[in-house]
Amino acid sequence: MAEATYLNENKSPQIKKALAECMAGARTAEIKARNYLKLSQGEQDDTIYEACRSMHRFYNALHEFFLEEQRAIAVLLNTREQGTSSEQSVAA
């Protein structure tokens, strides 16, 4: 739900695009991780099993990367907005 809040606020198109790409990347990585986990279940060939598990771990890490990028953008935006509101209150 927080993701939608970041997109709906009065942000530049570039920031909205970056946040949307992070959300889409996280969703895609999560789906792919889940699919590779399903593929690995019941697999008799150890090589295929390990390859699927490896891809599952990769996409889990990618999912976390996108979430972390989204959090970093949000922190930077909040820091910038707090700095701007502090400057405005000092100027008043």
PDB file of N, CA and C in Angstrom:
ATOM      1  N   MET A   1       0.816  -1.183   0.000  1.00  0.00           N
ATOM      2  CA  MET A   1       0.000   0.000   0.000  1.00  0.00           C
ATOM      3  C   MET A   1       0.870   1.262   0.000  1.00  0.00           C
ATOM      4  N   ALA A   2       2.019   1.204   0.661  1.00  0.00           N
ATOM      5  CA  ALA A   2       2.916   2.351   0.697  1.00  0.00           C
ATOM      6  C   ALA A   2       3.412   2.692  -0.695  1.00  0.00           C
ATOM      7  N   GLU A   3       3.582   1.681  -1.544  1.00  0.00           N
ATOM      8  CA  GLU A   3       4.057   1.922  -2.896  1.00  0.00           C
ATOM      9  C   GLU A   3       3.089   2.817  -3.652  1.00  0.00           C
ATOM     10  N   ALA A   4       1.813   2.562  -3.525  1.00  0.00           N
ATOM     11  CA  ALA A   4       0.802   3.362  -4.212  1.00  0.00           C
ATOM     12  C   ALA A   4       0.837   4.801  -3.710  1.00  0.00           C
ATOM     13  N   THR A   5       1.081   4.986  -2.428  1.00  0.00           N
ATOM     14  CA  THR A   5       1.161   6.331  -1.862  1.00  0.00           C
ATOM     15  C   THR A   5       2.296   7.103  -2.505  1.00  0.00           C
ATOM     16  N   TYR A   6       3.444   6.476  -2.682  1.00  0.00           N
ATOM     17  CA  TYR A   6       4.571   7.156  -3.286  1.00  0.00           C
ATOM     18  C   TYR A   6       4.259   7.585  -4.709  1.00  0.00           C
ATOM     19  N   LEU A   7       3.533   6.763  -5.453  1.00  0.00           N
ATOM     20  CA  LEU A   7       3.213   7.095  -6.827  1.00  0.00           C
ATOM     21  C   LEU A   7       2.146   8.167  -6.925  1.00  0.00           C
ATOM     22  N   ASN A   8       1.228   8.218  -5.992  1.00  0.00           N
ATOM     23  CA  ASN A   8       0.122   9.154  -6.072  1.00  0.00           C
ATOM     24  C   ASN A   8       0.492  10.554  -5.601  1.00  0.00           C
ATOM     25  N   GLU A   9       1.564  10.671  -4.884  1.00  0.00           N
ATOM     26  CA  GLU A   9       1.959  11.991  -4.409  1.00  0.00           C
ATOM     27  C   GLU A   9       2.445  12.834  -5.575  1.00  0.00           C
ATOM     28  N   ASN A  10       2.631  14.084  -5.328  1.00  0.00           N
ATOM     29  CA  ASN A  10       3.022  15.032  -6.363  1.00  0.00           C
ATOM     30  C   ASN A  10       4.515  14.889  -6.667  1.00  0.00           C
ATOM     31  N   LYS A  11       4.868  13.910  -7.481  1.00  0.00           N
ATOM     32  CA  LYS A  11       6.267  13.605  -7.809  1.00  0.00           C
ATOM     33  C   LYS A  11       6.522  13.857  -9.294  1.00  0.00           C
ATOM     34  N   SER A  12       7.780  14.034  -9.617  1.00  0.00           N
ATOM     35  CA  SER A  12       8.143  14.224 -11.025  1.00  0.00           C
ATOM     36  C   SER A  12       7.900  12.930 -11.799  1.00  0.00           C
ATOM     37  N   PRO A  13       7.724  13.022 -13.096  1.00  0.00           N
ATOM     38  CA  PRO A  13       7.511  11.815 -13.914  1.00  0.00           C
ATOM     39  C   PRO A  13       8.665  10.822 -13.805  1.00  0.00           C
ATOM     40  N   GLN A  14       9.891  11.321 -13.672  1.00  0.00           N
ATOM     41  CA  GLN A  14      11.042  10.436 -13.561  1.00  0.00           C
ATOM     42  C   GLN A  14      10.998   9.620 -12.279  1.00  0.00           C
ATOM     43  N   ILE A  15      10.606  10.258 -11.182  1.00  0.00           N
ATOM     44  CA  ILE A  15      10.527   9.557  -9.897  1.00  0.00           C
ATOM     45  C   ILE A  15       9.390   8.551  -9.925  1.00  0.00           C
ATOM     46  N   LYS A  16       8.257   8.951 -10.484  1.00  0.00           N
ATOM     47  CA  LYS A  16       7.139   8.021 -10.605  1.00  0.00           C
ATOM     48  C   LYS A  16       7.541   6.804 -11.437  1.00  0.00           C
ATOM     49  N   LYS A  17       8.264   7.055 -12.529  1.00  0.00           N
ATOM     50  CA  LYS A  17       8.700   5.958 -13.399  1.00  0.00           C
ATOM     51  C   LYS A  17       9.661   5.033 -12.653  1.00  0.00           C
ATOM     52  N   ALA A  18      10.608   5.605 -11.917  1.00  0.00           N
ATOM     53  CA  ALA A  18      11.572   4.793 -11.171  1.00  0.00           C
ATOM     54  C   ALA A  18      10.878   3.929 -10.126  1.00  0.00           C
ATOM     55  N   LEU A  19       9.934   4.509  -9.408  1.00  0.00           N
ATOM     56  CA  LEU A  19       9.195   3.740  -8.399  1.00  0.00           C
ATOM     57  C   LEU A  19       8.346   2.651  -9.048  1.00  0.00           C
ATOM     58  N   ALA A  20       7.715   2.970 -10.157  1.00  0.00           N
ATOM     59  CA  ALA A  20       6.899   1.973 -10.863  1.00  0.00           C
ATOM     60  C   ALA A  20       7.774   0.829 -11.376  1.00  0.00           C
ATOM     61  N   GLU A  21       8.959   1.150 -11.879  1.00  0.00           N
ATOM     62  CA  GLU A  21       9.870   0.105 -12.357  1.00  0.00           C
ATOM     63  C   GLU A  21      10.345  -0.781 -11.211  1.00  0.00           C
ATOM     64  N   CYS A  22      10.586  -0.205 -10.059  1.00  0.00           N
ATOM     65  CA  CYS A  22      10.979  -1.002  -8.891  1.00  0.00           C
ATOM     66  C   CYS A  22       9.853  -1.952  -8.493  1.00  0.00           C
ATOM     67  N   MET A  23       8.632  -1.444  -8.457  1.00  0.00           N
ATOM     68  CA  MET A  23       7.499  -2.287  -8.081  1.00  0.00           C
ATOM     69  C   MET A  23       7.293  -3.404  -9.100  1.00  0.00           C
ATOM     70  N   ALA A  24       7.368  -3.059 -10.380  1.00  0.00           N
ATOM     71  CA  ALA A  24       7.177  -4.072 -11.423  1.00  0.00           C
ATOM     72  C   ALA A  24       8.294  -5.105 -11.379  1.00  0.00           C
ATOM     73  N   GLY A  25       9.518  -4.656 -11.197  1.00  0.00           N
ATOM     74  CA  GLY A  25      10.652  -5.575 -11.108  1.00  0.00           C
ATOM     75  C   GLY A  25      10.531  -6.513  -9.921  1.00  0.00           C
ATOM     76  N   ALA A  26      10.096  -5.976  -8.795  1.00  0.00           N
ATOM     77  CA  ALA A  26       9.927  -6.805  -7.593  1.00  0.00           C
ATOM     78  C   ALA A  26       8.844  -7.856  -7.811  1.00  0.00           C
ATOM     79  N   ARG A  27       7.734  -7.448  -8.410  1.00  0.00           N
ATOM     80  CA  ARG A  27       6.645  -8.403  -8.679  1.00  0.00           C
ATOM     81  C   ARG A  27       7.091  -9.494  -9.646  1.00  0.00           C
ATOM     82  N   THR A  28       7.759  -9.095 -10.716  1.00  0.00           N
ATOM     83  CA  THR A  28       8.223 -10.062 -11.714  1.00  0.00           C
ATOM     84  C   THR A  28       9.216 -11.037 -11.101  1.00  0.00           C
ATOM     85  N   ALA A  29      10.161 -10.531 -10.338  1.00  0.00           N
ATOM     86  CA  ALA A  29      11.164 -11.395  -9.700  1.00  0.00           C
ATOM     87  C   ALA A  29      10.513 -12.356  -8.719  1.00  0.00           C
ATOM     88  N   GLU A  30       9.525 -11.882  -7.992  1.00  0.00           N
ATOM     89  CA  GLU A  30       8.834 -12.740  -7.037  1.00  0.00           C
ATOM     90  C   GLU A  30       8.109 -13.885  -7.758  1.00  0.00           C
ATOM     91  N   ILE A  31       7.460 -13.580  -8.856  1.00  0.00           N
ATOM     92  CA  ILE A  31       6.747 -14.601  -9.636  1.00  0.00           C
ATOM     93  C   ILE A  31       7.732 -15.618 -10.202  1.00  0.00           C
ATOM     94  N   LYS A  32       8.835 -15.129 -10.769  1.00  0.00           N
ATOM     95  CA  LYS A  32       9.827 -16.045 -11.336  1.00  0.00           C
ATOM     96  C   LYS A  32      10.451 -16.926 -10.257  1.00  0.00           C
ATOM     97  N   ALA A  33      10.719 -16.353  -9.088  1.00  0.00           N
ATOM     98  CA  ALA A  33      11.284 -17.143  -7.984  1.00  0.00           C
ATOM     99  C   ALA A  33      10.321 -18.263  -7.600  1.00  0.00           C
ATOM    100  N   ARG A  34       9.057 -17.915  -7.492  1.00  0.00           N
ATOM    101  CA  ARG A  34       8.041 -18.909  -7.148  1.00  0.00           C
ATOM    102  C   ARG A  34       7.964 -20.003  -8.213  1.00  0.00           C
ATOM    103  N   ASN A  35       8.030 -19.615  -9.481  1.00  0.00           N
ATOM    104  CA  ASN A  35       7.968 -20.594 -10.571  1.00  0.00           C
ATOM    105  C   ASN A  35       9.162 -21.553 -10.543  1.00  0.00           C
ATOM    106  N   TYR A  36      10.356 -21.023 -10.289  1.00  0.00           N
ATOM    107  CA  TYR A  36      11.535 -21.893 -10.222  1.00  0.00           C
ATOM    108  C   TYR A  36      11.471 -22.825  -9.015  1.00  0.00           C
ATOM    109  N   LEU A  37      10.909 -22.350  -7.922  1.00  0.00           N
ATOM    110  CA  LEU A  37      10.746 -23.209  -6.754  1.00  0.00           C
ATOM    111  C   LEU A  37       9.796 -24.359  -7.084  1.00  0.00           C
ATOM    112  N   LYS A  38       8.717 -24.060  -7.779  1.00  0.00           N
ATOM    113  CA  LYS A  38       7.768 -25.105  -8.187  1.00  0.00           C
ATOM    114  C   LYS A  38       8.445 -26.115  -9.116  1.00  0.00           C
ATOM    115  N   LEU A  39       9.250 -25.604 -10.047  1.00  0.00           N
ATOM    116  CA  LEU A  39       9.948 -26.499 -10.975  1.00  0.00           C
ATOM    117  C   LEU A  39      10.884 -27.451 -10.246  1.00  0.00           C
ATOM    118  N   SER A  40      11.506 -26.968  -9.185  1.00  0.00           N
ATOM    119  CA  SER A  40      12.484 -27.797  -8.469  1.00  0.00           C
ATOM    120  C   SER A  40      11.820 -28.888  -7.642  1.00  0.00           C
ATOM    121  N   GLN A  41      10.591 -28.668  -7.238  1.00  0.00           N
ATOM    122  CA  GLN A  41       9.921 -29.630  -6.363  1.00  0.00           C
ATOM    123  C   GLN A  41       9.617 -30.923  -7.122  1.00  0.00           C
ATOM    124  N   GLY A  42      10.063 -32.004  -6.560  1.00  0.00           N
ATOM    125  CA  GLY A  42       9.830 -33.312  -7.165  1.00  0.00           C
ATOM    126  C   GLY A  42      10.788 -33.663  -8.285  1.00  0.00           C
ATOM    127  N   GLU A  43      11.754 -32.801  -8.550  1.00  0.00           N
ATOM    128  CA  GLU A  43      12.713 -33.061  -9.632  1.00  0.00           C
ATOM    129  C   GLU A  43      13.676 -34.163  -9.208  1.00  0.00           C
ATOM    130  N   GLN A  44      13.812 -35.177 -10.050  1.00  0.00           N
ATOM    131  CA  GLN A  44      14.677 -36.327  -9.752  1.00  0.00           C
ATOM    132  C   GLN A  44      16.131 -36.070 -10.141  1.00  0.00           C
ATOM    133  N   ASP A  45      16.347 -35.325 -11.197  1.00  0.00           N
ATOM    134  CA  ASP A  45      17.706 -35.038 -11.672  1.00  0.00           C
ATOM    135  C   ASP A  45      18.323 -33.959 -10.778  1.00  0.00           C
ATOM    136  N   ASP A  46      19.410 -34.301 -10.083  1.00  0.00           N
ATOM    137  CA  ASP A  46      20.046 -33.358  -9.160  1.00  0.00           C
ATOM    138  C   ASP A  46      20.528 -32.091  -9.848  1.00  0.00           C
ATOM    139  N   THR A  47      21.011 -32.225 -11.069  1.00  0.00           N
ATOM    140  CA  THR A  47      21.515 -31.059 -11.797  1.00  0.00           C
ATOM    141  C   THR A  47      20.386 -30.075 -12.083  1.00  0.00           C
ATOM    142  N   ILE A  48      19.269 -30.569 -12.534  1.00  0.00           N
ATOM    143  CA  ILE A  48      18.127 -29.706 -12.822  1.00  0.00           C
ATOM    144  C   ILE A  48      17.579 -29.117 -11.523  1.00  0.00           C
ATOM    145  N   TYR A  49      17.511 -29.941 -10.489  1.00  0.00           N
ATOM    146  CA  TYR A  49      17.039 -29.462  -9.188  1.00  0.00           C
ATOM    147  C   TYR A  49      17.908 -28.303  -8.705  1.00  0.00           C
ATOM    148  N   GLU A  50      19.221 -28.479  -8.741  1.00  0.00           N
ATOM    149  CA  GLU A  50      20.133 -27.429  -8.273  1.00  0.00           C
ATOM    150  C   GLU A  50      20.047 -26.185  -9.143  1.00  0.00           C
ATOM    151  N   ALA A  51      19.875 -26.357 -10.444  1.00  0.00           N
ATOM    152  CA  ALA A  51      19.738 -25.200 -11.340  1.00  0.00           C
ATOM    153  C   ALA A  51      18.467 -24.414 -10.999  1.00  0.00           C
ATOM    154  N   CYS A  52      17.389 -25.124 -10.775  1.00  0.00           N
ATOM    155  CA  CYS A  52      16.129 -24.457 -10.415  1.00  0.00           C
ATOM    156  C   CYS A  52      16.241 -23.751  -9.066  1.00  0.00           C
ATOM    157  N   ARG A  53      16.863 -24.395  -8.111  1.00  0.00           N
ATOM    158  CA  ARG A  53      17.042 -23.773  -6.791  1.00  0.00           C
ATOM    159  C   ARG A  53      17.948 -22.543  -6.894  1.00  0.00           C
ATOM    160  N   SER A  54      18.969 -22.637  -7.723  1.00  0.00           N
ATOM    161  CA  SER A  54      19.870 -21.517  -7.929  1.00  0.00           C
ATOM    162  C   SER A  54      19.120 -20.325  -8.537  1.00  0.00           C
ATOM    163  N   MET A  55      18.288 -20.599  -9.536  1.00  0.00           N
ATOM    164  CA  MET A  55      17.499 -19.532 -10.152  1.00  0.00           C
ATOM    165  C   MET A  55      16.491 -18.967  -9.153  1.00  0.00           C
ATOM    166  N   HIS A  56      15.943 -19.817  -8.302  1.00  0.00           N
ATOM    167  CA  HIS A  56      15.027 -19.364  -7.256  1.00  0.00           C
ATOM    168  C   HIS A  56      15.738 -18.382  -6.323  1.00  0.00           C
ATOM    169  N   ARG A  57      16.949 -18.736  -5.905  1.00  0.00           N
ATOM    170  CA  ARG A  57      17.721 -17.845  -5.027  1.00  0.00           C
ATOM    171  C   ARG A  57      18.055 -16.536  -5.742  1.00  0.00           C
ATOM    172  N   PHE A  58      18.417 -16.629  -7.023  1.00  0.00           N
ATOM    173  CA  PHE A  58      18.740 -15.433  -7.795  1.00  0.00           C
ATOM    174  C   PHE A  58      17.550 -14.482  -7.853  1.00  0.00           C
ATOM    175  N   TYR A  59      16.379 -15.006  -8.201  1.00  0.00           N
ATOM    176  CA  TYR A  59      15.209 -14.142  -8.313  1.00  0.00           C
ATOM    177  C   TYR A  59      14.736 -13.635  -6.954  1.00  0.00           C
ATOM    178  N   ASN A  60      14.949 -14.382  -5.898  1.00  0.00           N
ATOM    179  CA  ASN A  60      14.649 -13.872  -4.553  1.00  0.00           C
ATOM    180  C   ASN A  60      15.550 -12.687  -4.235  1.00  0.00           C
ATOM    181  N   ALA A  61      16.822 -12.805  -4.577  1.00  0.00           N
ATOM    182  CA  ALA A  61      17.759 -11.708  -4.340  1.00  0.00           C
ATOM    183  C   ALA A  61      17.394 -10.490  -5.191  1.00  0.00           C
ATOM    184  N   LEU A  62      16.996 -10.731  -6.426  1.00  0.00           N
ATOM    185  CA  LEU A  62      16.586  -9.640  -7.310  1.00  0.00           C
ATOM    186  C   LEU A  62      15.339  -8.948  -6.754  1.00  0.00           C
ATOM    187  N   HIS A  63      14.423  -9.714  -6.234  1.00  0.00           N
ATOM    188  CA  HIS A  63      13.219  -9.162  -5.607  1.00  0.00           C
ATOM    189  C   HIS A  63      13.613  -8.237  -4.465  1.00  0.00           C
ATOM    190  N   GLU A  64      14.508  -8.699  -3.615  1.00  0.00           N
ATOM    191  CA  GLU A  64      14.967  -7.873  -2.490  1.00  0.00           C
ATOM    192  C   GLU A  64      15.684  -6.614  -2.975  1.00  0.00           C
ATOM    193  N   PHE A  65      16.449  -6.740  -4.055  1.00  0.00           N
ATOM    194  CA  PHE A  65      17.142  -5.584  -4.623  1.00  0.00           C
ATOM    195  C   PHE A  65      16.138  -4.500  -5.021  1.00  0.00           C
ATOM    196  N   PHE A  66      15.096  -4.879  -5.743  1.00  0.00           N
ATOM    197  CA  PHE A  66      14.110  -3.904  -6.177  1.00  0.00           C
ATOM    198  C   PHE A  66      13.388  -3.265  -4.994  1.00  0.00           C
ATOM    199  N   LEU A  67      13.076  -4.051  -3.975  1.00  0.00           N
ATOM    200  CA  LEU A  67      12.439  -3.488  -2.787  1.00  0.00           C
ATOM    201  C   LEU A  67      13.368  -2.502  -2.081  1.00  0.00           C
ATOM    202  N   GLU A  68      14.648  -2.852  -2.017  1.00  0.00           N
ATOM    203  CA  GLU A  68      15.617  -1.954  -1.375  1.00  0.00           C
ATOM    204  C   GLU A  68      15.775  -0.657  -2.170  1.00  0.00           C
ATOM    205  N   GLU A  69      15.785  -0.752  -3.483  1.00  0.00           N
ATOM    206  CA  GLU A  69      15.863   0.454  -4.311  1.00  0.00           C
ATOM    207  C   GLU A  69      14.644   1.345  -4.071  1.00  0.00           C
ATOM    208  N   GLN A  70      13.494   0.735  -3.976  1.00  0.00           N
ATOM    209  CA  GLN A  70      12.267   1.483  -3.722  1.00  0.00           C
ATOM    210  C   GLN A  70      12.343   2.184  -2.374  1.00  0.00           C
ATOM    211  N   ARG A  71      12.819   1.479  -1.357  1.00  0.00           N
ATOM    212  CA  ARG A  71      12.968   2.092  -0.029  1.00  0.00           C
ATOM    213  C   ARG A  71      13.976   3.234  -0.064  1.00  0.00           C
ATOM    214  N   ALA A  72      15.063   3.063  -0.791  1.00  0.00           N
ATOM    215  CA  ALA A  72      16.085   4.110  -0.874  1.00  0.00           C
ATOM    216  C   ALA A  72      15.525   5.369  -1.539  1.00  0.00           C
ATOM    217  N   ILE A  73      14.760   5.192  -2.591  1.00  0.00           N
ATOM    218  CA  ILE A  73      14.141   6.341  -3.250  1.00  0.00           C
ATOM    219  C   ILE A  73      13.200   7.046  -2.284  1.00  0.00           C
ATOM    220  N   ALA A  74      12.404   6.279  -1.558  1.00  0.00           N
ATOM    221  CA  ALA A  74      11.456   6.861  -0.603  1.00  0.00           C
ATOM    222  C   ALA A  74      12.181   7.639   0.481  1.00  0.00           C
ATOM    223  N   VAL A  75      13.274   7.093   0.991  1.00  0.00           N
ATOM    224  CA  VAL A  75      14.049   7.788   2.032  1.00  0.00           C
ATOM    225  C   VAL A  75      14.614   9.093   1.493  1.00  0.00           C
ATOM    226  N   LEU A  76      15.163   9.047   0.287  1.00  0.00           N
ATOM    227  CA  LEU A  76      15.705  10.274  -0.309  1.00  0.00           C
ATOM    228  C   LEU A  76      14.619  11.320  -0.528  1.00  0.00           C
ATOM    229  N   LEU A  77      13.458  10.885  -0.973  1.00  0.00           N
ATOM    230  CA  LEU A  77      12.351  11.822  -1.171  1.00  0.00           C
ATOM    231  C   LEU A  77      11.911  12.435   0.147  1.00  0.00           C
ATOM    232  N   ASN A  78      11.792  11.607   1.170  1.00  0.00           N
ATOM    233  CA  ASN A  78      11.374  12.108   2.481  1.00  0.00           C
ATOM    234  C   ASN A  78      12.400  13.078   3.045  1.00  0.00           C
ATOM    235  N   THR A  79      13.687  12.755   2.880  1.00  0.00           N
ATOM    236  CA  THR A  79      14.752  13.633   3.360  1.00  0.00           C
ATOM    237  C   THR A  79      14.702  14.968   2.632  1.00  0.00           C
ATOM    238  N   ARG A  80      14.523  14.902   1.316  1.00  0.00           N
ATOM    239  CA  ARG A  80      14.470  16.125   0.519  1.00  0.00           C
ATOM    240  C   ARG A  80      13.249  16.960   0.894  1.00  0.00           C
ATOM    241  N   GLU A  81      12.098  16.305   1.078  1.00  0.00           N
ATOM    242  CA  GLU A  81      10.875  17.023   1.430  1.00  0.00           C
ATOM    243  C   GLU A  81      10.984  17.649   2.813  1.00  0.00           C
ATOM    244  N   GLN A  82      11.618  16.960   3.754  1.00  0.00           N
ATOM    245  CA  GLN A  82      11.790  17.518   5.092  1.00  0.00           C
ATOM    246  C   GLN A  82      12.715  18.722   5.044  1.00  0.00           C
ATOM    247  N   GLY A  83      13.749  18.646   4.215  1.00  0.00           N
ATOM    248  CA  GLY A  83      14.662  19.776   4.062  1.00  0.00           C
ATOM    249  C   GLY A  83      13.970  20.965   3.445  1.00  0.00           C
ATOM    250  N   THR A  84      13.115  20.725   2.466  1.00  0.00           N
ATOM    251  CA  THR A  84      12.385  21.803   1.807  1.00  0.00           C
ATOM    252  C   THR A  84      11.390  22.445   2.767  1.00  0.00           C
ATOM    253  N   SER A  85      10.676  21.640   3.543  1.00  0.00           N
ATOM    254  CA  SER A  85       9.692  22.210   4.481  1.00  0.00           C
ATOM    255  C   SER A  85      10.410  22.958   5.606  1.00  0.00           C
ATOM    256  N   SER A  86      11.597  22.513   6.011  1.00  0.00           N
ATOM    257  CA  SER A  86      12.353  23.232   7.039  1.00  0.00           C
ATOM    258  C   SER A  86      12.818  24.578   6.515  1.00  0.00           C
ATOM    259  N   GLU A  87      13.267  24.615   5.257  1.00  0.00           N
ATOM    260  CA  GLU A  87      13.704  25.861   4.647  1.00  0.00           C
ATOM    261  C   GLU A  87      12.545  26.832   4.515  1.00  0.00           C
ATOM    262  N   GLN A  88      11.366  26.318   4.169  1.00  0.00           N
ATOM    263  CA  GLN A  88      10.196  27.186   4.026  1.00  0.00           C
ATOM    264  C   GLN A  88       9.774  27.756   5.367  1.00  0.00           C
ATOM    265  N   SER A  89       9.829  26.965   6.434  1.00  0.00           N
ATOM    266  CA  SER A  89       9.424  27.466   7.742  1.00  0.00           C
ATOM    267  C   SER A  89      10.422  28.488   8.272  1.00  0.00           C
ATOM    268  N   VAL A  90      11.712  28.341   7.951  1.00  0.00           N
ATOM    269  CA  VAL A  90      12.719  29.323   8.358  1.00  0.00           C
ATOM    270  C   VAL A  90      12.528  30.616   7.605  1.00  0.00           C
ATOM    271  N   ALA A  91      12.183  30.529   6.316  1.00  0.00           N
ATOM    272  CA  ALA A  91      11.979  31.695   5.501  1.00  0.00           C
ATOM    273  C   ALA A  91      10.744  32.483   5.940  1.00  0.00           C
ATOM    274  N   ALA A  92       9.767  31.795   6.488  1.00  0.00           N
ATOM    275  CA  ALA A  92       8.526  32.465   6.929  1.00  0.00           C
ATOM    276  C   ALA A  92       8.805  33.181   8.203  1.00  0.00           C
TER     277      ALA A  92
END
